[in-house]
Each structure stands twice: as C-alpha cells, then as structure tokens.
Amino acid sequence: MATIESINRVRDNIYVTSSISEKENKTIKFHKNVLILPEEFEDSLTTGKLGNSNRIMLPKKILKRHDIELHGKVPARIFGIGNKKFLLIKLDEKKVGVPQFKE
C-alpha cells in the first residue's frame, strides 16, 4: 500500500509525494487518474450468498445519503495489497453538459 510522505501546497497546486511498491507502480504506470483513499472506512456492508451467487448489500440509506442512483452494471476492480483485498466500484457519475440521446 502506498504511503504518503508529504503534501505541499504551492499557490493553487497541491503536490503529494508518496512511496509505492514496484507492483503498485506497474498498476498505475500508464494511468493518468489516480485515486487516493484512506484505509479507514465509515460504512459497513453485508456480504453473503444468495442463490448461486455471492452478493454485497448496499443499503438504500447509504445510497440516499450520498445521492446515488444505481443503473445496472457498473465498472469495478479488486485490488490486493499484502493480505488485504479491496473492491473499488464506480457507482455513479454526474455529467454536466449538453444531453446526448441514443436510439
């Protein structure tokens, strides 16, 4: 897991210096968007089996608190860091601009 070494603000820019492993470097090498998250989490979700599938339950109260509407399939990725596994899901994206209509 990356460790933040320092955070410096110069005028309107914020510079973050971090130390990462070689594996983490290979993961982000060709990506321009990088997300920095704390390791502590504020919400708890329920997981388990339902029929032939595994499920992660996302309560309506959490969605409502963050003003999120679910729309079918969403992109996700599982990251393994040491002996920990993290699931990152892009639940919603607000786009501002001219609406585009599809047939």
C-alpha atoms as a PDB file:
ATOM      1  CA  MET A   1       0.000   0.000   0.000  1.00  0.00           C
ATOM      2  CA  ALA A   2       1.319   3.423  -0.903  1.00  0.00           C
ATOM      3  CA  THR A   3       2.408   5.690   1.910  1.00  0.00           C
ATOM      4  CA  ILE A   4       2.115   9.468   1.669  1.00  0.00           C
ATOM      5  CA  GLU A   5       5.474  11.008   2.527  1.00  0.00           C
ATOM      6  CA  SER A   6       4.493  14.665   2.210  1.00  0.00           C
ATOM      7  CA  ILE A   7       1.794  17.031   0.973  1.00  0.00           C
ATOM      8  CA  ASN A   8       2.846  20.511  -0.163  1.00  0.00           C
ATOM      9  CA  ARG A   9       0.752  23.371  -1.439  1.00  0.00           C
ATOM     10  CA  VAL A  10       2.325  25.835  -3.870  1.00  0.00           C
ATOM     11  CA  ARG A  11      -0.082  28.564  -4.945  1.00  0.00           C
ATOM     12  CA  ASP A  12      -3.094  26.733  -6.457  1.00  0.00           C
ATOM     13  CA  ASN A  13      -1.373  23.339  -6.809  1.00  0.00           C
ATOM     14  CA  ILE A  14      -1.107  20.538  -4.259  1.00  0.00           C
ATOM     15  CA  TYR A  15       1.837  18.146  -4.597  1.00  0.00           C
ATOM     16  CA  VAL A  16       1.708  14.704  -2.996  1.00  0.00           C
ATOM     17  CA  THR A  17       4.899  12.686  -2.574  1.00  0.00           C
ATOM     18  CA  SER A  18       4.400   9.012  -1.880  1.00  0.00           C
ATOM     19  CA  SER A  19       6.368   5.785  -1.698  1.00  0.00           C
ATOM     20  CA  ILE A  20       4.932   2.777  -3.556  1.00  0.00           C
ATOM     21  CA  SER A  21       5.988  -0.779  -4.318  1.00  0.00           C
ATOM     22  CA  GLU A  22       7.132  -1.966  -7.735  1.00  0.00           C
ATOM     23  CA  LYS A  23       3.822  -3.852  -8.178  1.00  0.00           C
ATOM     24  CA  GLU A  24       1.831  -0.683  -7.410  1.00  0.00           C
ATOM     25  CA  ASN A  25       3.989   1.253  -9.839  1.00  0.00           C
ATOM     26  CA  LYS A  26       3.175  -1.248 -12.615  1.00  0.00           C
ATOM     27  CA  THR A  27      -0.540  -0.921 -11.798  1.00  0.00           C
ATOM     28  CA  ILE A  28      -0.659   2.885 -12.164  1.00  0.00           C
ATOM     29  CA  LYS A  29       2.163   3.369 -14.681  1.00  0.00           C
ATOM     30  CA  PHE A  30       0.016   4.151 -17.736  1.00  0.00           C
ATOM     31  CA  HIS A  31      -2.942   5.767 -16.000  1.00  0.00           C
ATOM     32  CA  LYS A  32      -3.321   9.499 -15.573  1.00  0.00           C
ATOM     33  CA  ASN A  33      -6.120   9.335 -12.979  1.00  0.00           C
ATOM     34  CA  VAL A  34      -5.065   8.041  -9.575  1.00  0.00           C
ATOM     35  CA  LEU A  35      -7.346   7.843  -6.549  1.00  0.00           C
ATOM     36  CA  ILE A  36      -6.003   8.337  -3.013  1.00  0.00           C
ATOM     37  CA  LEU A  37      -8.141   6.750  -0.293  1.00  0.00           C
ATOM     38  CA  PRO A  38      -7.761   6.409   3.463  1.00  0.00           C
ATOM     39  CA  GLU A  39      -7.555   2.875   4.843  1.00  0.00           C
ATOM     40  CA  GLU A  40     -10.313   3.552   7.379  1.00  0.00           C
ATOM     41  CA  PHE A  41     -13.928   3.169   6.261  1.00  0.00           C
ATOM     42  CA  GLU A  42     -17.086   4.672   7.784  1.00  0.00           C
ATOM     43  CA  ASP A  43     -19.810   2.309   6.495  1.00  0.00           C
ATOM     44  CA  SER A  44     -20.297  -1.426   6.955  1.00  0.00           C
ATOM     45  CA  LEU A  45     -21.839  -3.616   4.239  1.00  0.00           C
ATOM     46  CA  THR A  46     -23.276  -7.126   4.458  1.00  0.00           C
ATOM     47  CA  THR A  47     -21.903  -9.880   2.222  1.00  0.00           C
ATOM     48  CA  GLY A  48     -23.068 -13.420   1.629  1.00  0.00           C
ATOM     49  CA  LYS A  49     -24.559 -15.994  -0.684  1.00  0.00           C
ATOM     50  CA  LEU A  50     -27.927 -15.559  -2.363  1.00  0.00           C
ATOM     51  CA  GLY A  51     -28.933 -18.456  -4.605  1.00  0.00           C
ATOM     52  CA  ASN A  52     -25.989 -19.405  -6.795  1.00  0.00           C
ATOM     53  CA  SER A  53     -24.239 -16.035  -6.481  1.00  0.00           C
ATOM     54  CA  ASN A  54     -22.356 -14.009  -3.914  1.00  0.00           C
ATOM     55  CA  ARG A  55     -23.760 -10.593  -3.059  1.00  0.00           C
ATOM     56  CA  ILE A  56     -22.697  -7.367  -1.384  1.00  0.00           C
ATOM     57  CA  MET A  57     -25.681  -5.497   0.015  1.00  0.00           C
ATOM     58  CA  LEU A  58     -25.726  -1.713  -0.331  1.00  0.00           C
ATOM     59  CA  PRO A  59     -28.495  -0.254   1.868  1.00  0.00           C
ATOM     60  CA  LYS A  60     -30.810   2.428   0.463  1.00  0.00           C
ATOM     61  CA  LYS A  61     -29.958   4.762   3.352  1.00  0.00           C
ATOM     62  CA  ILE A  62     -26.293   4.833   2.280  1.00  0.00           C
ATOM     63  CA  LEU A  63     -27.229   5.488  -1.365  1.00  0.00           C
ATOM     64  CA  LYS A  64     -29.623   8.244  -0.316  1.00  0.00           C
ATOM     65  CA  ARG A  65     -27.047   9.859   2.000  1.00  0.00           C
ATOM     66  CA  HIS A  66     -24.616  10.158  -0.926  1.00  0.00           C
ATOM     67  CA  ASP A  67     -27.290  10.989  -3.559  1.00  0.00           C
ATOM     68  CA  ILE A  68     -26.533   7.898  -5.677  1.00  0.00           C
ATOM     69  CA  GLU A  69     -28.866   6.177  -8.132  1.00  0.00           C
ATOM     70  CA  LEU A  70     -27.940   2.693  -9.331  1.00  0.00           C
ATOM     71  CA  HIS A  71     -28.177   1.961 -13.064  1.00  0.00           C
ATOM     72  CA  GLY A  72     -27.465  -1.679 -13.933  1.00  0.00           C
ATOM     73  CA  LYS A  73     -23.886  -2.824 -14.391  1.00  0.00           C
ATOM     74  CA  VAL A  74     -21.053  -0.692 -13.015  1.00  0.00           C
ATOM     75  CA  PRO A  75     -17.293  -0.933 -13.528  1.00  0.00           C
ATOM     76  CA  ALA A  76     -15.315  -2.445 -10.646  1.00  0.00           C
ATOM     77  CA  ARG A  77     -11.841  -3.685  -9.781  1.00  0.00           C
ATOM     78  CA  ILE A  78     -10.405  -5.753  -6.949  1.00  0.00           C
ATOM     79  CA  PHE A  79      -7.019  -4.739  -5.576  1.00  0.00           C
ATOM     80  CA  GLY A  80      -4.860  -6.988  -3.428  1.00  0.00           C
ATOM     81  CA  ILE A  81      -2.435  -5.236  -1.115  1.00  0.00           C
ATOM     82  CA  GLY A  82      -0.499  -7.587   1.129  1.00  0.00           C
ATOM     83  CA  ASN A  83      -3.039  -9.881   2.763  1.00  0.00           C
ATOM     84  CA  LYS A  84      -5.924  -7.401   2.245  1.00  0.00           C
ATOM     85  CA  LYS A  85      -8.376  -7.288  -0.674  1.00  0.00           C
ATOM     86  CA  PHE A  86     -10.224  -4.107  -1.685  1.00  0.00           C
ATOM     87  CA  LEU A  87     -13.205  -3.775  -4.037  1.00  0.00           C
ATOM     88  CA  LEU A  88     -13.461  -0.423  -5.808  1.00  0.00           C
ATOM     89  CA  ILE A  89     -16.766   0.265  -7.600  1.00  0.00           C
ATOM     90  CA  LYS A  90     -17.716   3.288  -9.704  1.00  0.00           C
ATOM     91  CA  LEU A  91     -21.349   3.608  -8.603  1.00  0.00           C
ATOM     92  CA  ASP A  92     -22.372   6.897 -10.182  1.00  0.00           C
ATOM     93  CA  GLU A  93     -21.031   9.701 -12.338  1.00  0.00           C
ATOM     94  CA  LYS A  94     -22.625  13.120 -12.659  1.00  0.00           C
ATOM     95  CA  LYS A  95     -22.033  14.610 -16.089  1.00  0.00           C
ATOM     96  CA  VAL A  96     -22.624  18.275 -16.749  1.00  0.00           C
ATOM     97  CA  GLY A  97     -23.176  19.487 -20.280  1.00  0.00           C
ATOM     98  CA  VAL A  98     -25.333  19.009 -23.345  1.00  0.00           C
ATOM     99  CA  PRO A  99     -27.550  15.893 -23.110  1.00  0.00           C
ATOM    100  CA  GLN A 100     -26.871  13.199 -25.695  1.00  0.00           C
ATOM    101  CA  PHE A 101     -29.715  10.994 -26.867  1.00  0.00           C
ATOM    102  CA  LYS A 102     -29.292   7.464 -28.197  1.00  0.00           C
ATOM    103  CA  GLU A 103     -31.669   5.374 -30.309  1.00  0.00           C
END
